[in-house]
């Protein structure tokens, strides 16, 4: 039996829609990452749905988006922890060792966040390379 292929127009439409959705999600994540633009919005999938108008599954099917959302949450938590470590409730000063441990913890969390961002960018780059190869194959068939 012969495998049926999608019409080229449908494939192109689905690809364009996917790229548009990726752009909307990226913009929403950037808004959530920036404290000034974020305001009182919480970094959740529900917030991204609200900002983009996309469905929950559209967002959840993008592993890179969930990973970046998790990184944003970790950054926010780290900043809150950093602020709370500088002001002790009982008025006692923290020792230099404790402050350095806290700083190393924050830097480690930031390092994890940056590493995940690199992985996401590598994944996006690989996807774009595959698209370029496919477009070149299509072009060769047309010529």
C-alpha atoms as a PDB file:
ATOM      1  CA  UNK A   1       0.000   0.000   0.000  1.00  0.00           C
ATOM      2  CA  UNK A   2       1.194   3.473  -0.839  1.00  0.00           C
ATOM      3  CA  UNK A   3       1.609   5.954   1.973  1.00  0.00           C
ATOM      4  CA  UNK A   4      -0.434   9.106   1.445  1.00  0.00           C
ATOM      5  CA  UNK A   5       1.309  12.419   1.864  1.00  0.00           C
ATOM      6  CA  UNK A   6      -0.218  15.649   2.995  1.00  0.00           C
ATOM      7  CA  UNK A   7      -0.795  18.288   0.366  1.00  0.00           C
ATOM      8  CA  UNK A   8       2.072  20.777   0.275  1.00  0.00           C
ATOM      9  CA  UNK A   9      -0.247  23.660   1.148  1.00  0.00           C
ATOM     10  CA  UNK A  10      -1.460  21.920   4.292  1.00  0.00           C
ATOM     11  CA  UNK A  11       2.090  21.059   5.359  1.00  0.00           C
ATOM     12  CA  UNK A  12       3.148  24.662   4.821  1.00  0.00           C
ATOM     13  CA  UNK A  13       0.131  25.959   6.753  1.00  0.00           C
ATOM     14  CA  UNK A  14       0.852  23.650   9.705  1.00  0.00           C
ATOM     15  CA  UNK A  15       4.522  24.638   9.698  1.00  0.00           C
ATOM     16  CA  UNK A  16       3.675  28.357   9.595  1.00  0.00           C
ATOM     17  CA  UNK A  17       1.137  27.942  12.395  1.00  0.00           C
ATOM     18  CA  UNK A  18       3.689  26.094  14.511  1.00  0.00           C
ATOM     19  CA  UNK A  19       6.267  28.859  13.990  1.00  0.00           C
ATOM     20  CA  UNK A  20       3.694  31.527  14.861  1.00  0.00           C
ATOM     21  CA  UNK A  21       2.770  29.632  18.034  1.00  0.00           C
ATOM     22  CA  UNK A  22       6.454  29.292  18.959  1.00  0.00           C
ATOM     23  CA  UNK A  23       6.858  33.050  18.536  1.00  0.00           C
ATOM     24  CA  UNK A  24       3.831  33.772  20.734  1.00  0.00           C
ATOM     25  CA  UNK A  25       5.120  31.430  23.447  1.00  0.00           C
ATOM     26  CA  UNK A  26       8.625  32.929  23.284  1.00  0.00           C
ATOM     27  CA  UNK A  27       7.223  36.453  23.640  1.00  0.00           C
ATOM     28  CA  UNK A  28       5.115  35.388  26.625  1.00  0.00           C
ATOM     29  CA  UNK A  29       8.136  33.766  28.272  1.00  0.00           C
ATOM     30  CA  UNK A  30      10.204  36.914  27.708  1.00  0.00           C
ATOM     31  CA  UNK A  31       7.457  38.965  29.344  1.00  0.00           C
ATOM     32  CA  UNK A  32       7.409  36.625  32.343  1.00  0.00           C
ATOM     33  CA  UNK A  33      11.193  36.749  32.601  1.00  0.00           C
ATOM     34  CA  UNK A  34      11.328  40.555  32.851  1.00  0.00           C
ATOM     35  CA  UNK A  35      10.210  41.699  36.327  1.00  0.00           C
ATOM     36  CA  UNK A  36       9.027  45.077  35.049  1.00  0.00           C
ATOM     37  CA  UNK A  37       6.910  43.631  32.233  1.00  0.00           C
ATOM     38  CA  UNK A  38       5.710  40.700  34.338  1.00  0.00           C
ATOM     39  CA  UNK A  39       4.090  42.833  37.023  1.00  0.00           C
ATOM     40  CA  UNK A  40       1.931  40.582  39.197  1.00  0.00           C
ATOM     41  CA  UNK A  41       1.676  37.777  36.637  1.00  0.00           C
ATOM     42  CA  UNK A  42       2.840  34.400  37.871  1.00  0.00           C
ATOM     43  CA  UNK A  43       5.122  32.234  35.701  1.00  0.00           C
ATOM     44  CA  UNK A  44       2.684  29.398  35.012  1.00  0.00           C
ATOM     45  CA  UNK A  45       1.344  27.563  31.987  1.00  0.00           C
ATOM     46  CA  UNK A  46      -2.028  29.158  32.711  1.00  0.00           C
ATOM     47  CA  UNK A  47      -0.461  32.622  32.415  1.00  0.00           C
ATOM     48  CA  UNK A  48       1.119  31.702  29.077  1.00  0.00           C
ATOM     49  CA  UNK A  49      -2.289  30.477  27.885  1.00  0.00           C
ATOM     50  CA  UNK A  50      -3.778  33.805  28.946  1.00  0.00           C
ATOM     51  CA  UNK A  51      -1.037  35.815  27.213  1.00  0.00           C
ATOM     52  CA  UNK A  52      -1.021  33.829  23.960  1.00  0.00           C
ATOM     53  CA  UNK A  53      -4.574  32.562  23.575  1.00  0.00           C
ATOM     54  CA  UNK A  54      -3.203  29.099  22.759  1.00  0.00           C
ATOM     55  CA  UNK A  55      -4.435  25.805  24.176  1.00  0.00           C
ATOM     56  CA  UNK A  56      -2.816  24.069  27.145  1.00  0.00           C
ATOM     57  CA  UNK A  57      -1.626  21.154  24.988  1.00  0.00           C
ATOM     58  CA  UNK A  58      -0.065  23.493  22.435  1.00  0.00           C
ATOM     59  CA  UNK A  59       2.162  24.818  25.202  1.00  0.00           C
ATOM     60  CA  UNK A  60       2.688  21.535  27.039  1.00  0.00           C
ATOM     61  CA  UNK A  61       3.792  19.801  23.803  1.00  0.00           C
ATOM     62  CA  UNK A  62       6.776  22.132  23.632  1.00  0.00           C
ATOM     63  CA  UNK A  63       9.323  20.759  26.077  1.00  0.00           C
ATOM     64  CA  UNK A  64      11.576  23.760  25.555  1.00  0.00           C
ATOM     65  CA  UNK A  65       8.813  26.114  26.718  1.00  0.00           C
ATOM     66  CA  UNK A  66       8.196  24.138  29.901  1.00  0.00           C
ATOM     67  CA  UNK A  67      11.924  24.046  30.580  1.00  0.00           C
ATOM     68  CA  UNK A  68      12.251  27.806  30.149  1.00  0.00           C
ATOM     69  CA  UNK A  69       9.213  28.366  32.360  1.00  0.00           C
ATOM     70  CA  UNK A  70      10.827  26.212  35.044  1.00  0.00           C
ATOM     71  CA  UNK A  71      14.033  28.255  34.731  1.00  0.00           C
ATOM     72  CA  UNK A  72      12.106  31.517  35.108  1.00  0.00           C
ATOM     73  CA  UNK A  73      10.461  30.188  38.272  1.00  0.00           C
ATOM     74  CA  UNK A  74      13.887  29.184  39.641  1.00  0.00           C
ATOM     75  CA  UNK A  75      15.299  32.651  38.903  1.00  0.00           C
ATOM     76  CA  UNK A  76      12.409  34.345  40.691  1.00  0.00           C
ATOM     77  CA  UNK A  77      12.819  32.038  43.682  1.00  0.00           C
ATOM     78  CA  UNK A  78      16.574  32.652  43.730  1.00  0.00           C
ATOM     79  CA  UNK A  79      16.080  36.419  43.733  1.00  0.00           C
ATOM     80  CA  UNK A  80      13.567  36.167  46.584  1.00  0.00           C
ATOM     81  CA  UNK A  81      15.962  33.943  48.533  1.00  0.00           C
ATOM     82  CA  UNK A  82      18.823  36.342  47.879  1.00  0.00           C
ATOM     83  CA  UNK A  83      16.788  39.277  49.189  1.00  0.00           C
ATOM     84  CA  UNK A  84      15.716  37.355  52.277  1.00  0.00           C
ATOM     85  CA  UNK A  85      19.282  36.261  53.126  1.00  0.00           C
ATOM     86  CA  UNK A  86      20.504  39.845  53.334  1.00  0.00           C
ATOM     87  CA  UNK A  87      17.906  40.840  55.935  1.00  0.00           C
ATOM     88  CA  UNK A  88      17.683  38.482  58.879  1.00  0.00           C
ATOM     89  CA  UNK A  89      14.377  38.739  60.782  1.00  0.00           C
ATOM     90  CA  UNK A  90      16.016  38.623  64.208  1.00  0.00           C
ATOM     91  CA  UNK A  91      18.528  41.341  63.302  1.00  0.00           C
ATOM     92  CA  UNK A  92      21.578  39.056  63.404  1.00  0.00           C
ATOM     93  CA  UNK A  93      24.166  39.308  60.680  1.00  0.00           C
ATOM     94  CA  UNK A  94      24.996  36.177  58.710  1.00  0.00           C
ATOM     95  CA  UNK A  95      28.544  34.929  58.753  1.00  0.00           C
ATOM     96  CA  UNK A  96      30.718  35.386  55.699  1.00  0.00           C
ATOM     97  CA  UNK A  97      30.654  31.633  55.102  1.00  0.00           C
ATOM     98  CA  UNK A  98      26.842  31.580  55.104  1.00  0.00           C
ATOM     99  CA  UNK A  99      26.684  34.518  52.709  1.00  0.00           C
ATOM    100  CA  UNK A 100      29.189  32.820  50.400  1.00  0.00           C
ATOM    101  CA  UNK A 101      27.229  29.541  50.526  1.00  0.00           C
ATOM    102  CA  UNK A 102      24.061  31.421  49.612  1.00  0.00           C
ATOM    103  CA  UNK A 103      25.832  33.172  46.761  1.00  0.00           C
ATOM    104  CA  UNK A 104      27.240  29.870  45.443  1.00  0.00           C
ATOM    105  CA  UNK A 105      23.756  28.367  45.608  1.00  0.00           C
ATOM    106  CA  UNK A 106      22.296  31.262  43.597  1.00  0.00           C
ATOM    107  CA  UNK A 107      25.126  31.081  41.061  1.00  0.00           C
ATOM    108  CA  UNK A 108      24.651  27.322  40.712  1.00  0.00           C
ATOM    109  CA  UNK A 109      20.944  27.795  40.055  1.00  0.00           C
ATOM    110  CA  UNK A 110      21.743  30.473  37.477  1.00  0.00           C
ATOM    111  CA  UNK A 111      24.277  28.130  35.888  1.00  0.00           C
ATOM    112  CA  UNK A 112      21.621  25.418  35.601  1.00  0.00           C
ATOM    113  CA  UNK A 113      19.245  27.939  34.070  1.00  0.00           C
ATOM    114  CA  UNK A 114      21.838  29.042  31.517  1.00  0.00           C
ATOM    115  CA  UNK A 115      22.719  25.440  30.687  1.00  0.00           C
ATOM    116  CA  UNK A 116      19.054  24.655  30.044  1.00  0.00           C
ATOM    117  CA  UNK A 117      18.827  27.732  27.835  1.00  0.00           C
ATOM    118  CA  UNK A 118      21.838  26.498  25.824  1.00  0.00           C
ATOM    119  CA  UNK A 119      20.168  23.102  25.419  1.00  0.00           C
ATOM    120  CA  UNK A 120      16.967  24.773  24.247  1.00  0.00           C
ATOM    121  CA  UNK A 121      18.893  26.873  21.735  1.00  0.00           C
ATOM    122  CA  UNK A 122      20.727  23.809  20.458  1.00  0.00           C
ATOM    123  CA  UNK A 123      17.398  22.027  20.012  1.00  0.00           C
ATOM    124  CA  UNK A 124      15.977  25.010  18.121  1.00  0.00           C
ATOM    125  CA  UNK A 125      19.120  25.178  15.987  1.00  0.00           C
ATOM    126  CA  UNK A 126      18.874  21.481  15.125  1.00  0.00           C
ATOM    127  CA  UNK A 127      15.212  21.923  14.199  1.00  0.00           C
ATOM    128  CA  UNK A 128      16.085  24.854  11.929  1.00  0.00           C
ATOM    129  CA  UNK A 129      18.913  22.891  10.316  1.00  0.00           C
ATOM    130  CA  UNK A 130      16.501  20.044   9.583  1.00  0.00           C
ATOM    131  CA  UNK A 131      14.048  22.505   8.043  1.00  0.00           C
ATOM    132  CA  UNK A 132      16.806  23.978   5.886  1.00  0.00           C
ATOM    133  CA  UNK A 133      17.823  20.523   4.679  1.00  0.00           C
ATOM    134  CA  UNK A 134      14.205  19.689   3.859  1.00  0.00           C
ATOM    135  CA  UNK A 135      13.799  22.948   1.954  1.00  0.00           C
ATOM    136  CA  UNK A 136      16.983  22.232  -0.003  1.00  0.00           C
ATOM    137  CA  UNK A 137      15.700  18.756  -0.864  1.00  0.00           C
ATOM    138  CA  UNK A 138      12.413  20.243  -2.031  1.00  0.00           C
ATOM    139  CA  UNK A 139      14.248  22.838  -4.099  1.00  0.00           C
ATOM    140  CA  UNK A 140      16.376  20.138  -5.730  1.00  0.00           C
ATOM    141  CA  UNK A 141      13.255  18.153  -6.626  1.00  0.00           C
ATOM    142  CA  UNK A 142      11.656  21.219  -8.188  1.00  0.00           C
ATOM    143  CA  UNK A 143      14.751  22.088 -10.240  1.00  0.00           C
END
